[in-house]
N, C-alpha and C. Protein backbone atom coordinates (compact mmCIF):
# COMPACT_ATOMS: atom_id res chain seq x y z
N ASN A 1 5.72 11.98 13.34
CA ASN A 1 6.52 13.50 13.66
C ASN A 1 6.94 13.79 12.48
N ASN A 2 8.12 14.69 12.62
CA ASN A 2 8.31 15.63 10.24
C ASN A 2 8.80 14.64 9.66
N ASP A 3 9.12 13.06 10.02
CA ASP A 3 9.58 12.39 8.96
C ASP A 3 9.06 12.27 8.07
N ILE A 4 9.54 11.82 6.93
CA ILE A 4 8.95 11.83 5.52
C ILE A 4 8.96 10.58 5.04
N MET A 5 8.59 9.80 4.71
CA MET A 5 8.61 7.95 4.16
C MET A 5 8.00 8.28 2.39
N PHE A 6 8.89 7.60 1.80
CA PHE A 6 8.32 7.55 0.09
C PHE A 6 9.23 5.54 0.05
N SER A 7 8.43 5.74 -1.08
CA SER A 7 8.78 4.22 -1.88
C SER A 7 9.22 4.39 -3.52
N ILE A 8 10.30 3.49 -3.76
CA ILE A 8 10.81 3.40 -4.72
C ILE A 8 10.73 2.32 -5.14
N GLY A 9 9.78 1.95 -6.45
CA GLY A 9 9.31 0.59 -6.76
C GLY A 9 10.82 -0.09 -8.15
N THR A 10 10.55 -1.10 -8.27
CA THR A 10 11.43 -1.67 -9.25
C THR A 10 11.00 -1.83 -10.48
N PRO A 11 11.20 -1.44 -11.92
CA PRO A 11 10.49 0.05 -12.43
C PRO A 11 10.77 -1.28 -14.01
N THR A 12 10.18 -2.98 -13.97
CA THR A 12 10.20 -3.79 -15.27
C THR A 12 8.78 -4.51 -15.02
N HIS A 13 8.20 -5.19 -15.95
CA HIS A 13 7.80 -6.54 -15.25
C HIS A 13 8.41 -7.79 -15.97
N TYR A 14 9.56 -7.45 -16.86
CA TYR A 14 10.13 -8.95 -17.54
C TYR A 14 11.53 -9.37 -16.72
N SER A 15 12.17 -7.84 -16.66
CA SER A 15 13.76 -7.97 -16.56
C SER A 15 13.71 -8.49 -15.35
N GLU A 16 14.41 -10.07 -15.11
CA GLU A 16 14.88 -10.47 -13.71
C GLU A 16 16.56 -9.62 -13.22
N LYS A 17 17.05 -9.29 -14.19
CA LYS A 17 18.43 -8.08 -13.68
C LYS A 17 17.60 -7.07 -12.71
N ILE A 18 17.01 -6.71 -13.42
CA ILE A 18 16.22 -5.24 -12.97
C ILE A 18 15.56 -5.81 -11.32
N ASN A 19 14.87 -6.44 -11.55
CA ASN A 19 14.41 -6.89 -10.68
C ASN A 19 15.17 -7.59 -9.02
N LYS A 20 15.97 -8.09 -9.38
CA LYS A 20 17.11 -7.98 -8.75
C LYS A 20 17.88 -7.36 -8.03
N LEU A 21 17.26 -5.99 -8.30
CA LEU A 21 17.56 -4.68 -7.87
C LEU A 21 16.92 -4.28 -6.57
N ALA A 22 16.13 -4.95 -5.83
CA ALA A 22 15.04 -4.50 -4.94
C ALA A 22 15.70 -5.48 -3.81
N GLN A 23 17.08 -6.58 -4.17
CA GLN A 23 17.84 -6.83 -3.09
C GLN A 23 18.55 -6.46 -3.17
N ASN A 24 19.53 -5.68 -4.17
CA ASN A 24 20.93 -5.06 -4.25
C ASN A 24 20.84 -3.68 -3.13
N LYS A 25 21.44 -3.84 -2.13
CA LYS A 25 21.57 -2.47 -1.14
C LYS A 25 22.58 -1.22 -1.74
N GLU A 26 23.42 -1.60 -3.09
CA GLU A 26 23.97 -0.82 -3.55
C GLU A 26 22.87 0.46 -4.54
N SER A 27 21.54 -0.25 -4.93
CA SER A 27 20.51 0.00 -5.92
C SER A 27 19.42 0.59 -4.79
N PHE A 28 18.79 2.19 -5.32
CA PHE A 28 17.57 2.92 -5.09
C PHE A 28 16.48 2.08 -5.18
N PHE A 29 16.59 1.44 -5.88
CA PHE A 29 14.70 0.72 -6.57
C PHE A 29 14.68 -0.75 -5.73
N GLY A 30 13.32 -0.39 -5.25
CA GLY A 30 12.49 -1.79 -4.82
C GLY A 30 12.71 -1.56 -2.85
N LYS A 31 12.80 -0.19 -2.55
CA LYS A 31 13.25 0.44 -1.38
C LYS A 31 11.88 1.23 -0.54
N ILE A 32 11.85 1.26 0.71
CA ILE A 32 11.27 2.35 1.28
C ILE A 32 12.09 2.83 2.14
N TYR A 33 12.11 4.48 1.99
CA TYR A 33 13.02 5.52 2.58
C TYR A 33 12.14 5.92 3.55
N LEU A 34 13.22 6.45 4.57
CA LEU A 34 12.99 7.82 5.22
C LEU A 34 13.94 8.74 5.43
N ILE A 35 13.31 9.94 5.50
CA ILE A 35 13.81 11.40 5.22
C ILE A 35 13.81 11.92 6.53
N LYS A 36 14.58 12.39 7.33
CA LYS A 36 14.39 13.14 8.69
C LYS A 36 15.45 14.23 8.51
N ASP A 37 14.68 15.45 9.56
CA ASP A 37 15.41 16.58 9.38
C ASP A 37 16.36 17.05 10.64
N ASN A 38 17.99 16.69 10.51
CA ASN A 38 18.79 16.65 11.28
C ASN A 38 19.67 18.16 11.68
N ASN A 39 18.61 19.22 12.31
CA ASN A 39 18.66 20.62 12.58
C ASN A 39 19.14 21.11 11.44
N GLY A 40 18.03 20.82 9.96
CA GLY A 40 18.35 21.74 8.84
C GLY A 40 18.48 21.25 7.94
N LYS A 41 19.47 19.89 7.79
CA LYS A 41 20.10 19.21 6.99
C LYS A 41 19.48 17.34 6.89
N LEU A 42 18.89 17.51 5.60
CA LEU A 42 18.12 16.36 5.30
C LEU A 42 18.77 14.92 4.83
N GLU A 43 18.24 13.97 6.15
CA GLU A 43 18.98 12.80 5.84
C GLU A 43 18.46 11.73 5.24
N TYR A 44 19.09 10.71 4.52
CA TYR A 44 17.74 10.10 3.97
C TYR A 44 18.09 8.60 4.77
N SER A 45 17.65 7.59 4.66
CA SER A 45 17.71 5.81 4.93
C SER A 45 16.92 5.25 4.32
N VAL A 46 17.23 3.48 4.39
CA VAL A 46 16.57 2.91 3.72
C VAL A 46 15.85 2.45 4.86
N PHE A 47 14.64 2.04 4.86
CA PHE A 47 13.80 1.98 6.20
C PHE A 47 13.52 0.46 5.56
N SER A 48 12.99 0.16 4.68
CA SER A 48 12.96 -0.91 4.81
C SER A 48 12.69 -1.93 3.05
N GLU A 49 13.29 -2.79 2.76
CA GLU A 49 13.71 -3.41 1.08
C GLU A 49 12.86 -4.68 0.54
N GLY A 50 13.05 -4.80 -0.72
CA GLY A 50 12.36 -5.81 -0.99
C GLY A 50 11.06 -5.90 -1.46
N HIS A 51 10.82 -4.76 -2.07
CA HIS A 51 9.68 -4.12 -2.28
C HIS A 51 9.82 -4.20 -3.98
N ARG A 52 8.16 -4.30 -4.89
CA ARG A 52 8.18 -4.54 -6.34
C ARG A 52 7.42 -3.20 -6.60
N ASN A 53 6.69 -3.14 -6.10
CA ASN A 53 5.91 -1.30 -6.47
C ASN A 53 5.03 -0.95 -5.27
N PRO A 54 5.48 -0.33 -4.37
CA PRO A 54 4.65 -0.10 -3.17
C PRO A 54 4.20 1.35 -3.31
N GLN A 55 2.62 1.28 -3.72
CA GLN A 55 2.44 2.75 -3.94
C GLN A 55 1.19 3.37 -3.45
N GLY A 56 0.83 2.43 -1.75
CA GLY A 56 -0.21 3.03 -1.09
C GLY A 56 0.42 3.07 0.11
N ILE A 57 0.76 3.69 1.06
CA ILE A 57 1.48 4.11 2.33
C ILE A 57 0.87 5.04 3.37
N THR A 58 0.58 4.36 4.40
CA THR A 58 -0.13 5.25 5.20
C THR A 58 0.50 4.85 7.18
N HIS A 59 -0.10 5.59 8.19
CA HIS A 59 0.54 5.79 9.15
C HIS A 59 -0.65 6.06 10.37
N ILE A 60 -0.74 4.33 11.08
CA ILE A 60 -1.70 4.56 12.01
C ILE A 60 -1.92 3.96 13.09
N LYS A 61 -2.51 4.58 13.97
CA LYS A 61 -2.02 3.55 15.85
C LYS A 61 -0.42 2.74 15.78
N GLY A 62 0.64 4.21 14.89
CA GLY A 62 1.78 3.49 15.62
C GLY A 62 2.43 2.56 14.79
N LYS A 63 1.73 2.13 13.95
CA LYS A 63 1.87 1.45 12.59
C LYS A 63 1.95 1.70 11.35
N ILE A 64 2.62 1.16 10.49
CA ILE A 64 3.00 1.80 8.97
C ILE A 64 2.36 0.57 8.01
N PHE A 65 1.26 0.96 6.94
CA PHE A 65 0.62 0.01 6.16
C PHE A 65 1.28 0.27 4.64
N SER A 66 1.07 -0.65 3.93
CA SER A 66 1.58 0.04 2.72
C SER A 66 0.49 -1.14 1.56
N THR A 67 -0.23 -0.81 0.80
CA THR A 67 -0.51 -1.25 -0.87
C THR A 67 0.49 -1.44 -1.54
N GLU A 68 1.25 -2.73 -2.54
CA GLU A 68 2.24 -2.90 -3.45
C GLU A 68 1.58 -3.65 -4.09
N HIS A 69 1.93 -3.53 -6.04
CA HIS A 69 1.72 -4.54 -6.70
C HIS A 69 2.61 -5.49 -6.31
N GLY A 70 1.59 -6.78 -6.98
CA GLY A 70 2.74 -7.84 -7.36
C GLY A 70 2.85 -8.32 -8.98
N PRO A 71 3.58 -9.07 -9.40
CA PRO A 71 3.40 -9.57 -10.88
C PRO A 71 2.08 -9.89 -11.02
N GLU A 72 1.93 -10.79 -11.87
CA GLU A 72 1.01 -11.42 -12.10
C GLU A 72 0.07 -11.94 -10.99
N GLY A 73 -0.81 -11.12 -10.05
CA GLY A 73 -1.52 -11.65 -9.11
C GLY A 73 -0.09 -11.26 -8.41
N GLY A 74 -0.46 -11.72 -6.37
CA GLY A 74 -0.32 -11.33 -5.66
C GLY A 74 0.92 -9.85 -5.52
N ASP A 75 -0.53 -8.94 -5.76
CA ASP A 75 -0.78 -7.56 -4.72
C ASP A 75 -0.65 -7.86 -3.43
N GLU A 76 0.14 -7.03 -2.71
CA GLU A 76 -0.07 -7.52 -0.87
C GLU A 76 -0.34 -5.88 -0.29
N LEU A 77 -0.96 -6.20 0.82
CA LEU A 77 -1.31 -5.37 1.99
C LEU A 77 0.13 -5.80 2.94
N ASN A 78 0.93 -4.80 3.36
CA ASN A 78 1.64 -5.24 4.05
C ASN A 78 1.91 -4.24 5.62
N ILE A 79 2.38 -4.66 7.13
CA ILE A 79 3.07 -3.70 7.73
C ILE A 79 4.14 -3.54 7.66
N ILE A 80 4.88 -2.04 7.37
CA ILE A 80 6.06 -2.38 7.19
C ILE A 80 7.01 -1.69 7.97
N LYS A 81 8.16 -2.19 8.35
CA LYS A 81 8.57 -1.97 10.04
C LYS A 81 10.25 -1.76 9.46
N LYS A 82 10.39 -1.28 10.25
CA LYS A 82 12.59 -1.33 10.12
C LYS A 82 13.06 -2.25 9.44
N ASN A 83 14.17 -2.11 8.72
CA ASN A 83 15.26 -3.34 8.35
C ASN A 83 13.90 -4.50 7.76
N ASN A 84 13.03 -5.00 7.69
CA ASN A 84 12.64 -6.21 6.88
C ASN A 84 12.54 -6.31 5.75
N ASN A 85 12.79 -7.01 5.01
CA ASN A 85 12.85 -7.52 3.77
C ASN A 85 11.58 -8.09 2.83
N TYR A 86 10.70 -7.42 2.79
CA TYR A 86 10.01 -8.23 1.83
C TYR A 86 9.73 -8.92 1.01
N GLY A 87 10.74 -9.35 0.09
CA GLY A 87 11.23 -10.79 -0.56
C GLY A 87 11.20 -10.26 -2.52
N TRP A 88 10.58 -9.29 -2.11
CA TRP A 88 10.83 -9.25 -4.18
C TRP A 88 12.02 -9.25 -4.31
N PRO A 89 12.85 -9.95 -5.47
CA PRO A 89 12.17 -10.85 -6.51
C PRO A 89 11.92 -12.17 -5.86
N LEU A 90 12.68 -12.54 -4.86
CA LEU A 90 12.95 -14.14 -4.21
C LEU A 90 11.70 -14.75 -4.08
N VAL A 91 10.56 -14.04 -3.42
CA VAL A 91 9.67 -14.71 -3.43
C VAL A 91 7.79 -13.93 -3.79
N SER A 92 6.88 -14.39 -4.13
CA SER A 92 5.71 -13.90 -4.34
C SER A 92 4.58 -14.93 -4.54
N LEU A 93 3.60 -14.62 -4.22
CA LEU A 93 2.08 -15.41 -4.49
C LEU A 93 1.79 -15.33 -5.68
N GLY A 94 2.98 -13.99 -6.35
CA GLY A 94 1.76 -14.33 -7.99
C GLY A 94 2.27 -14.88 -9.06
N ASN A 95 2.81 -14.88 -10.22
CA ASN A 95 3.57 -15.70 -11.41
C ASN A 95 3.93 -14.35 -11.79
N ARG A 96 5.44 -15.30 -12.59
CA ARG A 96 5.92 -14.32 -13.53
C ARG A 96 5.23 -14.21 -14.77
N TYR A 97 4.71 -12.63 -15.51
CA TYR A 97 4.15 -12.58 -16.48
C TYR A 97 4.74 -13.68 -17.70
N GLY A 98 3.29 -14.64 -18.27
CA GLY A 98 3.54 -15.65 -19.35
C GLY A 98 4.35 -16.92 -18.72
N GLY A 99 4.56 -16.81 -17.74
CA GLY A 99 5.90 -17.60 -16.96
C GLY A 99 5.30 -18.60 -15.89
N LYS A 100 6.20 -18.81 -15.22
CA LYS A 100 6.04 -20.02 -13.79
C LYS A 100 5.77 -19.12 -12.34
N SER A 101 5.41 -19.83 -11.22
CA SER A 101 5.47 -19.14 -10.09
C SER A 101 6.63 -18.95 -9.66
N TYR A 102 6.75 -18.18 -8.61
CA TYR A 102 7.99 -18.06 -7.48
C TYR A 102 7.69 -18.75 -6.21
N LYS A 103 9.05 -18.60 -5.34
CA LYS A 103 8.89 -19.59 -4.33
C LYS A 103 8.07 -18.15 -3.65
N LYS A 104 7.36 -19.62 -2.77
CA LYS A 104 6.15 -18.63 -1.93
C LYS A 104 6.60 -18.01 -0.68
N LYS A 105 7.57 -18.44 0.21
CA LYS A 105 7.87 -18.39 1.54
C LYS A 105 9.44 -18.58 1.41
N SER A 106 10.08 -17.47 2.35
CA SER A 106 11.46 -18.15 2.76
C SER A 106 11.94 -17.48 3.83
N ALA A 107 12.88 -18.68 4.66
CA ALA A 107 12.79 -17.55 6.26
C ALA A 107 14.14 -16.23 6.31
N GLY A 108 13.25 -15.14 6.62
CA GLY A 108 13.94 -14.20 6.80
C GLY A 108 13.36 -13.17 6.00
N LEU A 109 12.30 -13.17 5.03
CA LEU A 109 12.24 -12.83 3.85
C LEU A 109 10.36 -12.62 4.70
N ILE A 110 9.71 -11.53 5.10
CA ILE A 110 8.15 -10.91 5.53
C ILE A 110 7.53 -11.00 4.31
N SER A 111 5.82 -11.90 5.14
CA SER A 111 5.04 -12.36 3.99
C SER A 111 4.01 -11.67 4.22
N PRO A 112 3.35 -10.96 3.02
CA PRO A 112 2.33 -9.91 2.98
C PRO A 112 0.97 -10.18 4.24
N ILE A 113 0.44 -9.69 5.13
CA ILE A 113 -0.92 -9.28 5.79
C ILE A 113 -1.79 -10.34 4.68
N TYR A 114 -2.14 -9.89 3.96
CA TYR A 114 -2.94 -10.18 2.67
C TYR A 114 -2.23 -10.18 1.08
N SER A 115 -2.42 -11.64 0.39
CA SER A 115 -2.12 -11.29 -0.66
C SER A 115 -3.23 -11.32 -1.96
N PHE A 116 -3.83 -10.86 -2.98
CA PHE A 116 -4.55 -10.49 -3.08
C PHE A 116 -4.14 -10.98 -5.10
N VAL A 117 -4.98 -12.93 -5.13
CA VAL A 117 -4.68 -13.15 -6.62
C VAL A 117 -6.50 -13.76 -7.00
N PRO A 118 -7.09 -13.10 -7.81
CA PRO A 118 -6.00 -12.46 -9.05
C PRO A 118 -5.23 -10.58 -8.40
N ALA A 119 -4.90 -10.10 -9.26
CA ALA A 119 -4.16 -8.54 -8.47
C ALA A 119 -5.70 -8.03 -9.27
N ILE A 120 -5.33 -6.93 -7.59
CA ILE A 120 -6.73 -5.59 -8.14
C ILE A 120 -6.25 -4.34 -8.45
N ALA A 121 -4.19 -4.22 -8.54
CA ALA A 121 -3.96 -3.06 -8.68
C ALA A 121 -3.97 -1.73 -8.11
N PRO A 122 -3.45 -2.45 -6.66
CA PRO A 122 -3.67 -1.12 -5.69
C PRO A 122 -3.25 0.12 -5.61
N SER A 123 -3.76 1.45 -5.45
CA SER A 123 -3.34 2.47 -6.04
C SER A 123 -2.85 3.11 -4.73
N SER A 124 -3.74 3.76 -3.99
CA SER A 124 -3.64 4.71 -2.40
C SER A 124 -4.23 3.96 -1.52
N LEU A 125 -3.41 4.61 -0.01
CA LEU A 125 -3.85 3.66 0.75
C LEU A 125 -3.88 5.25 1.94
N ASN A 126 -5.10 5.30 2.99
CA ASN A 126 -5.13 5.61 3.51
C ASN A 126 -6.06 5.47 4.90
N VAL A 127 -6.52 6.10 5.98
CA VAL A 127 -7.42 5.75 7.25
C VAL A 127 -8.45 6.01 6.93
N CYS A 128 -9.57 5.53 7.47
CA CYS A 128 -11.00 5.88 7.22
C CYS A 128 -11.36 7.23 7.70
N PRO A 129 -12.05 7.64 6.88
CA PRO A 129 -12.91 8.97 7.59
C PRO A 129 -14.02 8.56 8.67
N LYS A 130 -13.75 9.45 9.81
CA LYS A 130 -14.50 9.38 11.16
C LYS A 130 -15.50 8.80 11.18
N ASN A 131 -16.56 9.11 10.30
CA ASN A 131 -17.63 8.29 10.66
C ASN A 131 -17.77 6.30 10.36
N LEU A 132 -16.87 6.17 9.09
CA LEU A 132 -16.17 5.17 9.01
C LEU A 132 -15.97 3.99 10.67
N LYS A 133 -14.76 5.03 10.75
CA LYS A 133 -13.73 4.67 11.94
C LYS A 133 -14.31 4.31 12.76
N SER A 134 -15.52 4.98 13.35
CA SER A 134 -16.11 4.95 14.39
C SER A 134 -17.37 4.30 14.70
N TYR A 135 -17.53 3.71 12.90
CA TYR A 135 -18.65 1.95 12.82
C TYR A 135 -18.08 1.26 13.18
N TYR A 136 -16.91 1.36 12.78
CA TYR A 136 -15.59 -0.30 12.83
C TYR A 136 -14.76 0.37 14.24
N LYS A 137 -15.23 0.39 15.21
CA LYS A 137 -14.16 1.46 16.04
C LYS A 137 -13.36 0.05 17.12
N ASP A 138 -14.06 -1.19 16.85
CA ASP A 138 -13.27 -2.13 17.58
C ASP A 138 -11.90 -2.70 16.44
N PHE A 139 -11.77 -2.48 15.26
CA PHE A 139 -10.82 -3.02 13.95
C PHE A 139 -10.11 -1.84 13.68
N THR A 140 -8.89 -2.20 13.09
CA THR A 140 -7.90 -0.90 12.62
C THR A 140 -8.43 -0.56 11.25
N CYS A 141 -9.57 0.38 10.79
CA CYS A 141 -10.09 0.55 9.78
C CYS A 141 -9.29 1.29 8.49
N LEU A 142 -8.75 0.79 7.15
CA LEU A 142 -7.79 1.13 6.14
C LEU A 142 -8.92 1.71 4.92
N LEU A 143 -8.30 2.59 4.39
CA LEU A 143 -9.36 2.98 3.03
C LEU A 143 -8.51 2.94 1.62
N GLY A 144 -8.62 1.96 0.77
CA GLY A 144 -7.72 2.13 0.04
C GLY A 144 -8.22 2.10 -1.81
N LEU A 145 -7.88 2.77 -2.23
CA LEU A 145 -8.20 2.35 -4.36
C LEU A 145 -7.37 1.38 -4.43
N THR A 146 -8.26 1.59 -5.87
CA THR A 146 -8.02 -0.30 -7.18
C THR A 146 -7.77 0.64 -8.31
N LEU A 147 -6.70 0.09 -8.92
CA LEU A 147 -6.82 0.34 -10.42
C LEU A 147 -7.75 -0.33 -11.22
N LYS A 148 -7.04 -1.56 -11.28
CA LYS A 148 -7.67 -2.91 -12.14
C LYS A 148 -8.99 -2.79 -11.39
N GLU A 149 -8.98 -2.98 -10.28
CA GLU A 149 -10.80 -3.29 -9.67
C GLU A 149 -11.67 -2.50 -9.69
N MET A 150 -11.30 -1.38 -9.72
CA MET A 150 -11.99 0.06 -10.28
C MET A 150 -12.86 0.25 -8.98
N SER A 151 -12.54 -0.13 -7.43
CA SER A 151 -12.85 0.11 -6.26
C SER A 151 -12.53 0.81 -5.59
N VAL A 152 -13.16 1.35 -4.56
CA VAL A 152 -12.87 1.91 -3.10
C VAL A 152 -12.67 0.90 -2.30
N MET A 153 -11.69 0.48 -1.32
CA MET A 153 -11.71 -0.86 -0.33
C MET A 153 -11.44 -0.97 0.83
N ILE A 154 -12.59 -1.12 2.03
CA ILE A 154 -12.21 -0.99 2.81
C ILE A 154 -11.83 -2.46 3.99
N TYR A 155 -10.24 -2.34 4.51
CA TYR A 155 -9.61 -3.26 4.76
C TYR A 155 -9.92 -3.04 6.22
N LEU A 156 -10.18 -4.16 7.21
CA LEU A 156 -10.68 -4.59 8.61
C LEU A 156 -9.37 -5.64 9.40
N LEU A 157 -8.89 -4.51 10.06
CA LEU A 157 -7.79 -5.85 10.74
C LEU A 157 -8.59 -5.94 12.49
N ASP A 158 -8.41 -6.85 12.79
CA ASP A 158 -8.00 -7.38 14.56
C ASP A 158 -7.32 -6.59 15.27
N LYS A 159 -6.98 -7.03 16.62
CA LYS A 159 -5.68 -6.14 17.52
C LYS A 159 -4.35 -6.75 16.91
N ASP A 160 -4.61 -8.07 16.57
CA ASP A 160 -2.81 -8.60 16.03
C ASP A 160 -3.29 -8.79 14.25
N ASP A 161 -3.69 -7.48 13.89
CA ASP A 161 -3.33 -7.38 12.94
C ASP A 161 -3.29 -8.18 11.72
N LYS A 162 -4.41 -9.00 11.93
CA LYS A 162 -5.03 -9.65 10.94
C LYS A 162 -5.81 -9.42 10.04
N LEU A 163 -6.13 -9.52 8.83
CA LEU A 163 -6.77 -8.73 7.66
C LEU A 163 -8.35 -9.78 7.83
N ILE A 164 -9.24 -9.25 8.71
CA ILE A 164 -10.29 -9.93 8.78
C ILE A 164 -11.75 -9.91 7.59
N SER A 165 -11.75 -8.43 7.20
CA SER A 165 -12.73 -8.72 6.36
C SER A 165 -12.15 -7.24 5.27
N ILE A 166 -12.69 -7.58 3.68
CA ILE A 166 -12.20 -6.92 2.68
C ILE A 166 -13.44 -6.41 2.56
N LYS A 167 -13.84 -5.42 1.86
CA LYS A 167 -15.34 -4.77 1.57
C LYS A 167 -15.00 -3.65 0.03
N LYS A 168 -15.60 -4.11 -0.79
CA LYS A 168 -14.98 -3.19 -2.35
C LYS A 168 -16.57 -2.46 -2.88
N ILE A 169 -16.16 -1.32 -3.06
CA ILE A 169 -17.17 -0.64 -4.03
C ILE A 169 -17.46 -0.10 -4.74
N PHE A 170 -17.95 -0.75 -6.09
CA PHE A 170 -17.22 -1.10 -7.48
C PHE A 170 -18.09 1.00 -7.73
N ILE A 171 -17.03 1.25 -8.34
CA ILE A 171 -17.09 3.13 -8.95
C ILE A 171 -16.74 2.90 -10.43
N GLU A 172 -16.64 1.69 -11.08
CA GLU A 172 -16.44 1.60 -12.58
C GLU A 172 -15.62 2.43 -13.08
N LYS A 173 -14.38 2.99 -12.27
CA LYS A 173 -13.40 3.86 -12.94
C LYS A 173 -12.02 3.45 -12.17
N ARG A 174 -11.06 3.93 -12.95
CA ARG A 174 -9.64 3.24 -12.29
C ARG A 174 -9.40 4.62 -11.56
N LEU A 175 -9.09 4.26 -9.72
CA LEU A 175 -9.01 4.77 -8.68
C LEU A 175 -7.73 5.38 -8.54
N ARG A 176 -7.14 6.51 -8.29
CA ARG A 176 -5.69 6.75 -8.72
C ARG A 176 -5.28 7.37 -6.87
N HIS A 177 -5.91 7.99 -6.60
CA HIS A 177 -5.58 9.32 -5.47
C HIS A 177 -6.28 9.64 -4.49
N PHE A 178 -6.14 9.54 -3.03
CA PHE A 178 -6.82 10.40 -2.47
C PHE A 178 -6.61 12.04 -1.88
N GLY A 179 -7.61 12.37 -1.64
CA GLY A 179 -7.38 13.97 -1.28
C GLY A 179 -6.94 14.31 0.14
N VAL A 180 -5.53 14.63 0.21
CA VAL A 180 -4.96 14.46 1.88
C VAL A 180 -4.52 15.90 2.41
N ASP A 181 -4.59 16.09 3.46
CA ASP A 181 -4.04 17.13 4.40
C ASP A 181 -2.49 17.14 4.13
N LYS A 182 -2.25 18.43 5.27
CA LYS A 182 -0.48 18.42 5.18
C LYS A 182 0.25 17.30 5.63
N LYS A 183 -0.46 16.33 6.85
CA LYS A 183 0.12 14.92 7.10
C LYS A 183 0.10 13.66 6.52
N ALA A 184 -0.51 14.29 5.07
CA ALA A 184 -0.77 12.93 4.14
C ALA A 184 -2.01 11.99 4.87
N LYS A 185 -3.05 12.34 5.84
CA LYS A 185 -4.03 11.79 6.12
C LYS A 185 -5.07 12.40 5.53
N LEU A 186 -6.12 11.36 5.17
CA LEU A 186 -7.09 11.38 4.43
C LEU A 186 -7.92 12.77 4.60
N TYR A 187 -8.14 13.83 3.50
CA TYR A 187 -8.82 15.16 4.08
C TYR A 187 -10.44 14.88 3.97
N THR A 188 -10.62 15.27 5.30
CA THR A 188 -12.16 15.44 5.07
C THR A 188 -12.46 16.61 5.20
N LYS A 189 -13.89 16.99 5.23
CA LYS A 189 -15.00 17.43 5.16
C LYS A 189 -16.37 17.77 5.16
N GLY A 190 -16.48 17.79 6.68
CA GLY A 190 -17.71 16.99 7.55
C GLY A 190 -17.31 15.07 7.34
N ASN A 191 -18.32 14.62 6.89
CA ASN A 191 -17.91 13.55 6.67
C ASN A 191 -17.80 13.27 4.84
N ASN A 192 -17.48 14.14 3.79
CA ASN A 192 -17.19 14.09 2.96
C ASN A 192 -15.38 13.95 2.87
N PHE A 193 -15.08 12.95 1.70
CA PHE A 193 -13.54 12.98 1.75
C PHE A 193 -13.68 12.81 -0.10
N TYR A 194 -12.14 12.56 -1.04
CA TYR A 194 -12.40 12.97 -2.01
C TYR A 194 -11.27 12.19 -2.67
N PHE A 195 -11.37 11.66 -3.62
CA PHE A 195 -10.57 10.92 -4.64
C PHE A 195 -10.60 10.68 -5.89
N SER A 196 -9.70 10.76 -6.58
CA SER A 196 -9.73 11.11 -7.88
C SER A 196 -9.65 9.61 -8.65
N ALA A 197 -9.96 9.73 -10.07
CA ALA A 197 -9.93 8.75 -11.58
C ALA A 197 -8.93 9.18 -12.52
N ASP A 198 -8.42 7.89 -13.44
CA ASP A 198 -7.85 8.36 -14.26
C ASP A 198 -8.16 9.18 -15.22
N ASN A 199 -8.14 10.40 -15.82
CA ASN A 199 -8.90 10.59 -17.08
C ASN A 199 -10.13 10.75 -16.98
N ASP A 200 -10.33 11.57 -15.73
CA ASP A 200 -11.62 11.99 -15.52
C ASP A 200 -11.27 13.28 -14.39
N GLY A 201 -11.54 12.96 -13.42
CA GLY A 201 -11.30 14.04 -12.40
C GLY A 201 -11.26 13.69 -10.69
N LEU A 202 -12.12 14.88 -10.24
CA LEU A 202 -11.97 14.32 -8.67
C LEU A 202 -13.23 14.71 -8.14
N TYR A 203 -13.55 13.51 -7.53
CA TYR A 203 -14.91 13.16 -6.66
C TYR A 203 -14.81 13.51 -5.17
N LYS A 204 -16.32 13.67 -5.26
CA LYS A 204 -16.48 13.34 -3.11
C LYS A 204 -17.28 12.71 -3.10
N ALA A 205 -17.34 12.01 -1.74
CA ALA A 205 -17.26 10.53 -1.46
C ALA A 205 -18.08 11.02 0.07
N GLU A 206 -19.13 10.14 0.52
CA GLU A 206 -19.47 9.61 1.95
C GLU A 206 -19.90 8.71 2.21
N PHE A 207 -19.60 7.96 3.58
CA PHE A 207 -20.13 6.87 4.20
C PHE A 207 -21.48 7.66 4.65
N LYS A 208 -22.95 7.30 4.48
CA LYS A 208 -23.76 7.03 5.40
C LYS A 208 -24.71 5.83 5.16
N ASN A 209 -25.99 5.73 6.18
CA ASN A 209 -27.02 4.71 5.90
C ASN A 209 -26.32 3.73 6.29
N PHE A 210 -25.25 3.63 7.39
CA PHE A 210 -25.13 2.36 8.10
C PHE A 210 -26.07 1.62 8.74
N LYS A 211 -26.12 0.28 8.61
CA LYS A 211 -26.65 -0.47 8.57
C LYS A 211 -26.48 -1.52 9.95
């Protein structure tokens, strides 16, 4: 509706003390927030916690999806649900920088739909353009960008939200943001969509010649 969601990551590679703020209910760090307009007064609340660095977030078919940077490996694709705890830094499929691994799973902490090992450094996440969504009409189609992988990513999920396919389209540039409309959905003109690359510019792209 008119609500706004935003994320605040946990700003460190090495400090265990700062990492643990993601599990501290008194800290702003490592949370996804919801802002609501209550008769002209803005109110915010924690929607989910236990995040390391979520950078991509989108809403489709009544569900919220997010991509998140892990530590050394362990980048994640998640379904974000209210009051869930996604485990950072208690669990991760990545490793500490230059050190040992984390605990892989723990009761009460939510595991990702998918964990990327090695890391891809995901940035933006959004819905697929109409022609691509129509081509994959039997699936939930998500479109992502990556920094380290330098690719446009197509994620396909089945009706049970199981990730069944990842397609990488290599661009050779660190891809950062999608062009979006006023509702933060992918901005399209015809079948064209737009994205930015670090230290470069804005690109126009189109999926065509489907086989």
